[in-house]
Amino acid sequence: MKKINEIFNIFKVGLLMLLVLMYSSIPIFIFRIDFNSLSPIMQIVYYLVCDITFMLIIFLMYHKTFFHDVKEYFKDFKNNFEVSFKYWFAGFAVMVISNLLIAIFFTGANAGNEENVRSMISDAPIYMLFAVGIYAPFVEEMVFRKAFREIFKSKYVYIIMSGVVFGSLHVVSSISSPSDLLYLIPYSALGIAFASLYYKTDNIFSSMVMHSIHNTAAALIYILGSGILWKSF
């Protein structure tokens, strides 16, 4: 029975990872939607509907964990937030330093994912605030932290696998040269920090809230710095 549960959990995590990558493409394939023929507004609506429905699927799978952890987090908010902040800051520091070193010593490397996100923010700032500030933290923490914890029992194997796979999925889709793989380091650093935080607290909301703050702050800085938000009205 234990072996069956382990196989089921591995299958579940594999399926969730596949859905993270391909969920928005499934309706297009099934219903033969000509996505390029949709207006820009309808394309945004389409992505929004996909995001919300996928979030709902994840929520139905883990709603008990989510509600329990939110309740526990706010029982001692000050202490829990301080712990969350410390782990995030450690990951963020490694992320910043590694990004700087890559930029200095490997000028040919390209952070394609970051450029793609900035391009999407320029095209749809309001939607992207939802996508990076709510959708991504909720889905990615539930999959790469919570679900991964169900299949990797060893502390360090779990932390490394959670962080590296998380980082890989932010890099592999936009690789144009071998040097681009270097950006696995900064993305994985943040993933490892969030995995370490979740292992420490056993509270998924701890990593989720810092993930949300990190993404939202980065998006807002870019939006306000470039004046994108005001241009959209």
Protein backbone atom coordinates (compact mmCIF):
# COMPACT_ATOMS: atom_id res chain seq x y z
CA MET A 1 0.00 0.00 0.00
CA LYS A 2 2.85 2.35 0.89
CA LYS A 3 4.53 1.61 -2.45
CA ILE A 4 1.29 2.32 -4.31
CA ASN A 5 0.94 5.66 -2.54
CA GLU A 6 4.53 6.57 -3.45
CA ILE A 7 3.94 5.72 -7.12
CA PHE A 8 0.68 7.70 -7.09
CA ASN A 9 2.42 10.74 -5.58
CA ILE A 10 5.19 10.59 -8.18
CA PHE A 11 2.60 10.37 -10.95
CA LYS A 12 0.63 13.24 -9.43
CA VAL A 13 3.67 15.51 -9.18
CA GLY A 14 4.70 14.67 -12.76
CA LEU A 15 1.21 15.47 -14.00
CA LEU A 16 1.08 18.74 -12.05
CA MET A 17 4.45 19.81 -13.46
CA LEU A 18 3.22 19.04 -16.97
CA LEU A 19 0.07 21.07 -16.34
CA VAL A 20 2.10 24.00 -15.01
CA LEU A 21 3.88 24.08 -18.37
CA MET A 22 1.02 23.20 -20.72
CA TYR A 23 -2.33 23.91 -19.05
CA SER A 24 -3.12 27.02 -21.12
CA SER A 25 -2.42 25.06 -24.34
CA ILE A 26 -4.87 22.26 -23.59
CA PRO A 27 -8.12 24.11 -24.50
CA ILE A 28 -6.44 25.41 -27.65
CA PHE A 29 -5.63 21.86 -28.70
CA ILE A 30 -8.97 20.33 -27.68
CA PHE A 31 -11.23 23.01 -29.12
CA ARG A 32 -8.92 23.90 -32.04
CA ILE A 33 -8.83 27.57 -31.07
CA ASP A 34 -6.96 29.88 -33.42
CA PHE A 35 -5.29 31.82 -30.65
CA ASN A 36 -3.56 34.29 -32.98
CA SER A 37 -6.92 35.33 -34.41
CA LEU A 38 -8.14 36.44 -30.98
CA SER A 39 -7.96 40.12 -30.11
CA PRO A 40 -5.34 41.15 -27.52
CA ILE A 41 -8.08 41.61 -24.92
CA MET A 42 -9.54 38.16 -25.62
CA GLN A 43 -6.09 36.62 -25.39
CA ILE A 44 -5.70 38.13 -21.92
CA VAL A 45 -9.18 36.90 -20.94
CA TYR A 46 -8.25 33.44 -22.19
CA TYR A 47 -5.08 33.34 -20.08
CA LEU A 48 -6.97 34.69 -17.07
CA VAL A 49 -9.63 31.97 -17.35
CA CYS A 50 -6.91 29.30 -17.67
CA ASP A 51 -5.07 30.67 -14.63
CA ILE A 52 -8.17 30.79 -12.46
CA THR A 53 -9.36 27.30 -13.41
CA PHE A 54 -5.92 25.80 -12.78
CA MET A 55 -5.73 27.57 -9.43
CA LEU A 56 -9.13 26.10 -8.61
CA ILE A 57 -7.89 22.59 -9.44
CA ILE A 58 -4.85 23.03 -7.17
CA PHE A 59 -7.03 24.57 -4.46
CA LEU A 60 -9.45 21.64 -4.50
CA MET A 61 -6.51 19.27 -4.14
CA TYR A 62 -4.90 21.11 -1.24
CA HIS A 63 -7.61 23.33 0.29
CA LYS A 64 -7.34 21.73 3.73
CA THR A 65 -3.60 22.37 3.85
CA PHE A 66 -4.06 25.92 2.58
CA PHE A 67 -6.71 26.93 5.12
CA HIS A 68 -4.85 25.24 7.98
CA ASP A 69 -1.55 26.91 7.13
CA VAL A 70 -3.08 30.36 6.64
CA LYS A 71 -4.74 30.08 10.05
CA GLU A 72 -1.51 28.92 11.72
CA TYR A 73 0.55 31.61 9.99
CA PHE A 74 -1.57 34.44 11.32
CA LYS A 75 -1.66 33.03 14.85
CA ASP A 76 1.88 34.37 15.26
CA PHE A 77 2.21 36.63 12.24
CA LYS A 78 5.17 38.70 13.49
CA ASN A 79 7.42 35.72 14.22
CA ASN A 80 6.33 33.77 11.14
CA PHE A 81 6.89 36.75 8.86
CA GLU A 82 10.34 37.37 10.33
CA VAL A 83 11.34 33.77 9.66
CA SER A 84 9.89 33.95 6.14
CA PHE A 85 11.73 37.20 5.45
CA LYS A 86 15.09 35.81 6.61
CA TYR A 87 14.89 32.79 4.31
CA TRP A 88 13.69 34.90 1.37
CA PHE A 89 16.47 37.47 1.94
CA ALA A 90 19.13 34.74 1.92
CA GLY A 91 17.81 33.41 -1.39
CA PHE A 92 17.41 36.90 -2.80
CA ALA A 93 20.99 37.82 -1.85
CA VAL A 94 22.36 34.78 -3.69
CA MET A 95 20.07 35.60 -6.62
CA VAL A 96 21.34 39.19 -6.88
CA ILE A 97 25.02 38.28 -6.46
CA SER A 98 24.87 35.44 -8.98
CA ASN A 99 23.04 37.64 -11.48
CA LEU A 100 25.74 40.29 -11.14
CA LEU A 101 28.56 37.77 -11.58
CA ILE A 102 26.88 36.27 -14.65
CA ALA A 103 26.39 39.73 -16.15
CA ILE A 104 30.06 40.65 -15.53
CA PHE A 105 31.84 37.45 -16.57
CA PHE A 106 29.41 35.91 -19.07
CA THR A 107 28.16 38.76 -21.24
CA GLY A 108 26.68 36.36 -23.79
CA ALA A 109 24.27 34.86 -21.27
CA ASN A 110 20.67 35.90 -21.63
CA ALA A 111 17.90 35.86 -18.99
CA GLY A 112 15.19 34.98 -21.49
CA ASN A 113 12.48 34.31 -18.92
CA GLU A 114 12.93 37.72 -17.35
CA GLU A 115 12.79 39.41 -20.74
CA ASN A 116 9.63 37.48 -21.65
CA VAL A 117 7.96 38.49 -18.39
CA ARG A 118 8.87 42.14 -18.89
CA SER A 119 7.49 42.02 -22.41
CA MET A 120 4.22 40.56 -21.13
CA ILE A 121 4.06 43.17 -18.37
CA SER A 122 4.43 45.88 -21.00
CA ASP A 123 1.56 44.39 -23.01
CA ALA A 124 -0.81 43.59 -20.11
CA PRO A 125 0.33 45.14 -16.80
CA ILE A 126 -2.87 44.57 -14.82
CA TYR A 127 -3.18 40.93 -15.82
CA MET A 128 0.51 40.31 -15.15
CA LEU A 129 0.22 41.71 -11.62
CA PHE A 130 -2.33 38.98 -11.00
CA ALA A 131 -0.27 36.35 -12.83
CA VAL A 132 3.02 36.99 -11.03
CA GLY A 133 1.61 38.19 -7.71
CA ILE A 134 -1.17 35.67 -7.07
CA TYR A 135 -1.29 32.88 -9.64
CA ALA A 136 2.42 32.00 -9.80
CA PRO A 137 3.07 32.03 -6.02
CA PHE A 138 -0.02 29.94 -5.29
CA VAL A 139 0.47 27.33 -8.03
CA GLU A 140 4.26 27.10 -7.89
CA GLU A 141 4.44 26.82 -4.11
CA MET A 142 1.73 24.18 -4.01
CA VAL A 143 3.43 22.15 -6.75
CA PHE A 144 7.17 22.67 -6.19
CA ARG A 145 7.06 22.88 -2.41
CA LYS A 146 3.96 21.08 -1.10
CA ALA A 147 3.63 18.34 -3.74
CA PHE A 148 7.40 17.75 -3.95
CA ARG A 149 7.48 17.24 -0.19
CA GLU A 150 5.18 14.24 -0.70
CA ILE A 151 7.72 12.36 -2.83
CA PHE A 152 11.10 13.50 -1.44
CA LYS A 153 11.39 12.50 2.21
CA SER A 154 15.06 13.36 2.70
CA LYS A 155 15.49 17.00 3.77
CA TYR A 156 18.39 17.88 1.50
CA VAL A 157 17.19 15.88 -1.50
CA TYR A 158 13.83 17.61 -1.21
CA ILE A 159 15.32 21.10 -0.89
CA ILE A 160 17.72 20.64 -3.82
CA MET A 161 15.20 18.95 -6.11
CA SER A 162 12.48 21.48 -5.32
CA GLY A 163 14.82 24.41 -5.92
CA VAL A 164 16.56 23.11 -9.04
CA VAL A 165 13.41 21.88 -10.80
CA PHE A 166 11.72 25.19 -9.94
CA GLY A 167 14.70 27.08 -11.37
CA SER A 168 14.88 24.85 -14.46
CA LEU A 169 11.28 25.49 -15.46
CA HIS A 170 11.99 29.24 -15.37
CA VAL A 171 14.97 28.84 -17.69
CA VAL A 172 14.60 25.92 -20.12
CA SER A 173 11.78 27.45 -22.15
CA SER A 174 13.89 30.47 -23.13
CA ILE A 175 17.39 29.04 -23.65
CA SER A 176 19.11 30.33 -26.78
CA SER A 177 22.71 29.37 -25.91
CA PRO A 178 24.50 27.08 -23.40
CA SER A 179 25.55 30.11 -21.33
CA ASP A 180 21.88 30.85 -20.64
CA LEU A 181 21.89 27.79 -18.38
CA LEU A 182 23.87 29.86 -15.89
CA TYR A 183 20.62 31.53 -14.91
CA LEU A 184 19.65 28.25 -13.28
CA ILE A 185 21.76 29.50 -10.35
CA PRO A 186 19.75 32.62 -9.41
CA TYR A 187 16.38 31.03 -10.07
CA SER A 188 17.29 27.87 -8.19
CA ALA A 189 18.67 29.93 -5.29
CA LEU A 190 15.27 31.44 -4.67
CA GLY A 191 13.60 28.06 -5.09
CA ILE A 192 16.00 26.48 -2.60
CA ALA A 193 15.30 29.31 -0.13
CA PHE A 194 11.54 28.76 -0.42
CA ALA A 195 11.94 24.98 -0.09
CA SER A 196 14.14 25.44 3.00
CA LEU A 197 11.56 27.80 4.45
CA TYR A 198 8.73 25.35 3.90
CA TYR A 199 10.74 22.49 5.38
CA LYS A 200 11.57 24.65 8.42
CA THR A 201 8.03 25.91 9.08
CA ASP A 202 5.91 23.11 7.58
CA ASN A 203 3.63 25.96 6.51
CA ILE A 204 3.09 26.49 2.79
CA PHE A 205 1.76 30.00 3.36
CA SER A 206 5.19 31.03 4.65
CA SER A 207 6.83 30.50 1.28
CA MET A 208 3.73 31.53 -0.66
CA VAL A 209 3.53 34.98 0.94
CA MET A 210 7.23 35.75 0.34
CA HIS A 211 7.00 34.46 -3.22
CA SER A 212 4.05 36.79 -3.79
CA ILE A 213 5.78 39.80 -2.23
CA HIS A 214 8.96 39.14 -4.26
CA ASN A 215 7.14 38.83 -7.58
CA THR A 216 4.73 41.71 -6.97
CA ALA A 217 7.49 44.08 -5.86
CA ALA A 218 9.61 43.22 -8.92
CA ALA A 219 6.64 43.75 -11.26
CA LEU A 220 5.60 47.03 -9.63
CA ILE A 221 9.15 48.41 -9.73
CA TYR A 222 9.32 47.65 -13.44
CA ILE A 223 5.82 49.02 -14.14
CA LEU A 224 6.27 52.23 -12.17
CA GLY A 225 9.83 52.73 -13.39
CA SER A 226 8.85 52.49 -17.03
CA GLY A 227 5.49 54.26 -16.71
CA ILE A 228 3.70 51.28 -18.31
CA LEU A 229 0.67 51.48 -16.04
CA TRP A 230 -0.12 55.06 -16.92
CA LYS A 231 0.33 54.42 -20.65
CA SER A 232 -2.26 51.65 -20.52
CA PHE A 233 -5.09 54.04 -19.60
